[in-house]
C-alpha atoms as a PDB file:
ATOM      1  CA  MET A   1      85.526  68.312 127.967  1.00  0.00           C
ATOM      2  CA  ALA A   2      86.452  66.392 124.813  1.00  0.00           C
ATOM      3  CA  ARG A   3      82.826  65.492 124.343  1.00  0.00           C
ATOM      4  CA  SER A   4      81.660  69.135 124.614  1.00  0.00           C
ATOM      5  CA  LEU A   5      84.332  70.234 122.145  1.00  0.00           C
ATOM      6  CA  SER A   6      83.204  67.500 119.755  1.00  0.00           C
ATOM      7  CA  THR A   7      79.573  68.586 120.159  1.00  0.00           C
ATOM      8  CA  LEU A   8      80.540  72.227 119.558  1.00  0.00           C
ATOM      9  CA  LEU A   9      82.468  71.368 116.401  1.00  0.00           C
ATOM     10  CA  LYS A  10      79.590  69.265 115.077  1.00  0.00           C
ATOM     11  CA  SER A  11      77.126  72.081 115.715  1.00  0.00           C
ATOM     12  CA  ILE A  12      79.389  74.599 113.962  1.00  0.00           C
ATOM     13  CA  SER A  13      79.886  72.302 110.991  1.00  0.00           C
ATOM     14  CA  SER A  14      76.144  71.861 110.634  1.00  0.00           C
ATOM     15  CA  LEU A  15      75.565  75.606 110.243  1.00  0.00           C
ATOM     16  CA  PRO A  16      74.930  76.762 106.682  1.00  0.00           C
ATOM     17  CA  ALA A  17      77.943  78.294 104.978  1.00  0.00           C
ATOM     18  CA  THR A  18      77.870  82.038 104.629  1.00  0.00           C
ATOM     19  CA  SER A  19      79.070  83.889 101.617  1.00  0.00           C
ATOM     20  CA  SER A  20      82.721  84.735 101.741  1.00  0.00           C
ATOM     21  CA  LEU A  21      83.674  88.250 102.735  1.00  0.00           C
ATOM     22  CA  ARG A  22      84.775  90.114  99.638  1.00  0.00           C
ATOM     23  CA  THR A  23      87.541  92.618 100.072  1.00  0.00           C
ATOM     24  CA  MET A  24      88.851  94.522  97.113  1.00  0.00           C
ATOM     25  CA  VAL A  25      91.159  97.482  96.820  1.00  0.00           C
ATOM     26  CA  SER A  26      89.552 100.870  96.418  1.00  0.00           C
ATOM     27  CA  GLY A  27      90.564 103.383  93.793  1.00  0.00           C
ATOM     28  CA  SER A  28      93.136 102.859  91.075  1.00  0.00           C
ATOM     29  CA  PHE A  29      96.487 101.236  91.203  1.00  0.00           C
ATOM     30  CA  CYS A  30      99.202 100.549  88.723  1.00  0.00           C
ATOM     31  CA  GLY A  31     101.058  97.268  88.560  1.00  0.00           C
ATOM     32  CA  GLU A  32     103.303  95.918  85.821  1.00  0.00           C
ATOM     33  CA  GLY A  33     102.261  98.683  83.457  1.00  0.00           C
ATOM     34  CA  MET A  34      98.543  98.030  83.893  1.00  0.00           C
ATOM     35  CA  LEU A  35      96.141 100.496  85.439  1.00  0.00           C
ATOM     36  CA  TYR A  36      93.318  98.751  87.217  1.00  0.00           C
ATOM     37  CA  SER A  37      90.407 100.353  88.877  1.00  0.00           C
ATOM     38  CA  THR A  38      88.507  98.394  91.475  1.00  0.00           C
ATOM     39  CA  THR A  39      85.826  98.911  94.085  1.00  0.00           C
ATOM     40  CA  VAL A  40      84.999  97.975  97.641  1.00  0.00           C
ATOM     41  CA  PRO A  41      81.486  96.703  98.272  1.00  0.00           C
ATOM     42  CA  SER A  42      79.485  98.991 100.529  1.00  0.00           C
ATOM     43  CA  ASP A  43      79.500  97.508 103.978  1.00  0.00           C
ATOM     44  CA  PRO A  44      77.282  99.149 106.593  1.00  0.00           C
ATOM     45  CA  ASP A  45      79.537  97.757 109.342  1.00  0.00           C
ATOM     46  CA  THR A  46      82.575  99.625 108.048  1.00  0.00           C
ATOM     47  CA  HIS A  47      83.315 102.806 109.971  1.00  0.00           C
ATOM     48  CA  GLU A  48      83.022 105.972 107.884  1.00  0.00           C
ATOM     49  CA  ASP A  49      86.748 106.727 108.295  1.00  0.00           C
ATOM     50  CA  PHE A  50      87.624 103.466 106.537  1.00  0.00           C
ATOM     51  CA  ARG A  51      85.158 103.606 103.658  1.00  0.00           C
ATOM     52  CA  PRO A  52      86.610 104.348 100.238  1.00  0.00           C
ATOM     53  CA  THR A  53      86.224 107.804  98.825  1.00  0.00           C
ATOM     54  CA  ASN A  54      85.755 108.779  95.243  1.00  0.00           C
ATOM     55  CA  LYS A  55      88.599 111.206  94.656  1.00  0.00           C
ATOM     56  CA  ALA A  56      87.193 112.290  91.305  1.00  0.00           C
ATOM     57  CA  ALA A  57      83.852 113.178  92.878  1.00  0.00           C
ATOM     58  CA  ASN A  58      85.651 115.173  95.572  1.00  0.00           C
ATOM     59  CA  SER A  59      87.775 117.141  93.123  1.00  0.00           C
ATOM     60  CA  ASP A  60      87.267 119.441  90.190  1.00  0.00           C
ATOM     61  CA  ILE A  61      88.133 116.654  87.729  1.00  0.00           C
ATOM     62  CA  SER A  62      85.232 115.579  85.525  1.00  0.00           C
ATOM     63  CA  LEU A  63      84.777 112.049  84.217  1.00  0.00           C
ATOM     64  CA  LYS A  64      85.389 113.411  80.720  1.00  0.00           C
ATOM     65  CA  ASP A  65      88.750 114.743  81.954  1.00  0.00           C
ATOM     66  CA  ILE A  66      89.585 111.335  83.444  1.00  0.00           C
ATOM     67  CA  VAL A  67      88.796 109.598  80.142  1.00  0.00           C
ATOM     68  CA  GLU A  68      90.853 112.136  78.185  1.00  0.00           C
ATOM     69  CA  GLN A  69      93.762 111.742  80.616  1.00  0.00           C
ATOM     70  CA  ASP A  70      93.589 107.929  80.467  1.00  0.00           C
ATOM     71  CA  ILE A  71      93.657 107.934  76.679  1.00  0.00           C
ATOM     72  CA  LYS A  72      96.423 110.541  76.463  1.00  0.00           C
ATOM     73  CA  GLU A  73      98.728 108.990  79.082  1.00  0.00           C
ATOM     74  CA  ASN A  74      98.373 105.291  78.185  1.00  0.00           C
ATOM     75  CA  PRO A  75      99.644 103.879  74.875  1.00  0.00           C
ATOM     76  CA  VAL A  76      96.860 101.262  74.894  1.00  0.00           C
ATOM     77  CA  MET A  77      93.785 101.913  77.006  1.00  0.00           C
ATOM     78  CA  ILE A  78      90.848  99.534  77.278  1.00  0.00           C
ATOM     79  CA  TYR A  79      87.552 100.276  78.971  1.00  0.00           C
ATOM     80  CA  MET A  80      86.121  96.876  79.680  1.00  0.00           C
ATOM     81  CA  LYS A  81      83.886  94.741  81.835  1.00  0.00           C
ATOM     82  CA  GLY A  82      86.257  93.509  84.523  1.00  0.00           C
ATOM     83  CA  VAL A  83      90.035  93.867  84.450  1.00  0.00           C
ATOM     84  CA  PRO A  84      92.584  92.211  82.136  1.00  0.00           C
ATOM     85  CA  ASP A  85      93.392  89.468  84.649  1.00  0.00           C
ATOM     86  CA  GLN A  86      89.681  88.778  85.231  1.00  0.00           C
ATOM     87  CA  PRO A  87      87.471  89.862  82.332  1.00  0.00           C
ATOM     88  CA  ARG A  88      83.757  89.769  83.134  1.00  0.00           C
ATOM     89  CA  CYS A  89      82.483  89.138  79.599  1.00  0.00           C
ATOM     90  CA  GLY A  90      83.577  87.207  76.544  1.00  0.00           C
ATOM     91  CA  PHE A  91      84.131  90.282  74.383  1.00  0.00           C
ATOM     92  CA  SER A  92      86.411  91.879  76.991  1.00  0.00           C
ATOM     93  CA  SER A  93      88.263  88.579  77.355  1.00  0.00           C
ATOM     94  CA  LEU A  94      88.748  88.349  73.589  1.00  0.00           C
ATOM     95  CA  ALA A  95      90.054  91.921  73.387  1.00  0.00           C
ATOM     96  CA  VAL A  96      92.590  91.301  76.165  1.00  0.00           C
ATOM     97  CA  ARG A  97      93.767  88.038  74.557  1.00  0.00           C
ATOM     98  CA  VAL A  98      94.271  89.751  71.189  1.00  0.00           C
ATOM     99  CA  LEU A  99      96.139  92.712  72.727  1.00  0.00           C
ATOM    100  CA  ASN A 100      98.306  90.397  74.841  1.00  0.00           C
ATOM    101  CA  GLU A 101      99.550  88.782  71.608  1.00  0.00           C
ATOM    102  CA  TYR A 102     101.472  91.994  70.939  1.00  0.00           C
ATOM    103  CA  ASN A 103     103.081  92.354  74.363  1.00  0.00           C
ATOM    104  CA  VAL A 104     102.170  96.053  74.581  1.00  0.00           C
ATOM    105  CA  PRO A 105     101.680  98.012  77.810  1.00  0.00           C
ATOM    106  CA  LEU A 106      97.962  97.692  78.508  1.00  0.00           C
ATOM    107  CA  SER A 107      95.984  99.928  80.840  1.00  0.00           C
ATOM    108  CA  ALA A 108      92.343  99.306  81.717  1.00  0.00           C
ATOM    109  CA  ARG A 109      89.358 100.552  83.660  1.00  0.00           C
ATOM    110  CA  ASN A 110      86.466  98.397  84.791  1.00  0.00           C
ATOM    111  CA  ILE A 111      83.284 100.116  83.571  1.00  0.00           C
ATOM    112  CA  LEU A 112      81.100  97.834  85.690  1.00  0.00           C
ATOM    113  CA  GLU A 113      82.086  99.677  88.835  1.00  0.00           C
ATOM    114  CA  ASN A 114      80.928 103.117  87.782  1.00  0.00           C
ATOM    115  CA  GLN A 115      77.876 103.761  85.591  1.00  0.00           C
ATOM    116  CA  GLU A 116      78.800 107.426  85.181  1.00  0.00           C
ATOM    117  CA  LEU A 117      82.273 106.487  83.870  1.00  0.00           C
ATOM    118  CA  LYS A 118      80.663 104.009  81.473  1.00  0.00           C
ATOM    119  CA  ASN A 119      78.398 106.762  80.140  1.00  0.00           C
ATOM    120  CA  ALA A 120      81.293 109.243  79.913  1.00  0.00           C
ATOM    121  CA  VAL A 121      83.315 106.796  77.799  1.00  0.00           C
ATOM    122  CA  LYS A 122      80.317 106.170  75.496  1.00  0.00           C
ATOM    123  CA  THR A 123      79.835 109.909  75.070  1.00  0.00           C
ATOM    124  CA  PHE A 124      83.534 110.500  74.458  1.00  0.00           C
ATOM    125  CA  SER A 125      83.905 107.807  71.791  1.00  0.00           C
ATOM    126  CA  HIS A 126      80.392 107.960  70.325  1.00  0.00           C
ATOM    127  CA  TRP A 127      80.425 104.151  70.559  1.00  0.00           C
ATOM    128  CA  PRO A 128      77.646 102.257  72.382  1.00  0.00           C
ATOM    129  CA  THR A 129      79.309  98.953  73.354  1.00  0.00           C
ATOM    130  CA  PHE A 130      82.221  97.661  75.404  1.00  0.00           C
ATOM    131  CA  PRO A 131      85.058  96.936  75.433  1.00  0.00           C
ATOM    132  CA  GLN A 132      86.413 100.114  73.899  1.00  0.00           C
ATOM    133  CA  ILE A 133      90.067 100.156  72.901  1.00  0.00           C
ATOM    134  CA  PHE A 134      92.136 103.288  72.386  1.00  0.00           C
ATOM    135  CA  SER A 135      95.668 103.286  71.007  1.00  0.00           C
ATOM    136  CA  LYS A 136      97.996 106.274  70.955  1.00  0.00           C
ATOM    137  CA  GLY A 137      95.181 108.635  71.830  1.00  0.00           C
ATOM    138  CA  GLU A 138      92.676 107.505  69.222  1.00  0.00           C
ATOM    139  CA  PHE A 139      89.656 105.257  69.388  1.00  0.00           C
ATOM    140  CA  VAL A 140      90.259 101.935  67.638  1.00  0.00           C
ATOM    141  CA  GLY A 141      87.005 100.102  68.331  1.00  0.00           C
ATOM    142  CA  GLY A 142      85.723  97.042  70.127  1.00  0.00           C
ATOM    143  CA  SER A 143      86.804  93.418  70.279  1.00  0.00           C
ATOM    144  CA  ASP A 144      85.343  92.575  66.856  1.00  0.00           C
ATOM    145  CA  ILE A 145      87.275  95.379  65.206  1.00  0.00           C
ATOM    146  CA  ILE A 146      90.633  94.570  66.804  1.00  0.00           C
ATOM    147  CA  LEU A 147      90.134  90.871  66.075  1.00  0.00           C
ATOM    148  CA  ASN A 148      89.584  91.740  62.411  1.00  0.00           C
ATOM    149  CA  MET A 149      92.613  94.069  62.477  1.00  0.00           C
ATOM    150  CA  HIS A 150      94.661  91.269  64.077  1.00  0.00           C
ATOM    151  CA  GLN A 151      93.610  88.797  61.370  1.00  0.00           C
ATOM    152  CA  THR A 152      94.475  91.201  58.537  1.00  0.00           C
ATOM    153  CA  GLY A 153      97.799  92.320  60.059  1.00  0.00           C
ATOM    154  CA  GLU A 154      96.604  95.908  60.475  1.00  0.00           C
ATOM    155  CA  LEU A 155      96.785  95.725  64.294  1.00  0.00           C
ATOM    156  CA  LYS A 156     100.423  94.572  64.148  1.00  0.00           C
ATOM    157  CA  GLU A 157     101.284  97.661  62.086  1.00  0.00           C
ATOM    158  CA  LYS A 158      99.329  99.942  64.420  1.00  0.00           C
ATOM    159  CA  LEU A 159     101.013  98.586  67.559  1.00  0.00           C
ATOM    160  CA  GLN A 160     104.455  97.965  66.048  1.00  0.00           C
ATOM    161  CA  ASP A 161     106.206 100.936  67.674  1.00  0.00           C
ATOM    162  CA  LEU A 162     104.608 100.109  71.055  1.00  0.00           C
ATOM    163  CA  THR A 163     105.853  96.524  70.809  1.00  0.00           C
ATOM    164  CA  ALA A 164     109.365  97.794  70.017  1.00  0.00           C
ATOM    165  CA  GLU A 165     109.279 100.195  73.005  1.00  0.00           C
ATOM    166  CA  SER A 166     108.107  97.394  75.264  1.00  0.00           C
ATOM    167  CA  LYS A 167     111.051  95.187  74.198  1.00  0.00           C
ATOM    168  CA  LYS A 168     113.560  98.037  74.798  1.00  0.00           C
ATOM    169  CA  GLU A 169     112.336  98.411  78.394  1.00  0.00           C
ATOM    170  CA  GLU A 170     112.921  94.717  79.106  1.00  0.00           C
END
């Protein structure tokens, strides 16, 4: 018996490793003042009842409305590649690092998960690249612009009242 168990374990260990099963949360969630939007990979083995649904696609809300609502309701909104905790490009990472210097409430959407959202944001801002940062309802720019604003002190002035509000809440 011990020998067959040993043989079984050796045969299992010799099998090639498979890719890990990726499970991510569907939809949007809010945690610690940050709005993240994530996706679930399409899995043909998942029963239809358990597959994520796109609530925006199933409602009368347009992507333009979602962008407008995001920008209106969030003091600092960033449309980026990835999420603040895991940026998926250097420019998005730079933007998050600069904004984190000011300890402001930061909300984000991952544009990599939805091409239509990405296009809606580009159309809304008339800006072709990402990340795109909005503060207090207005488009600020990309990572290069906020880095320049940070270096000149202009970003500190722009975010000053948000930093003060953030400290009051603590």
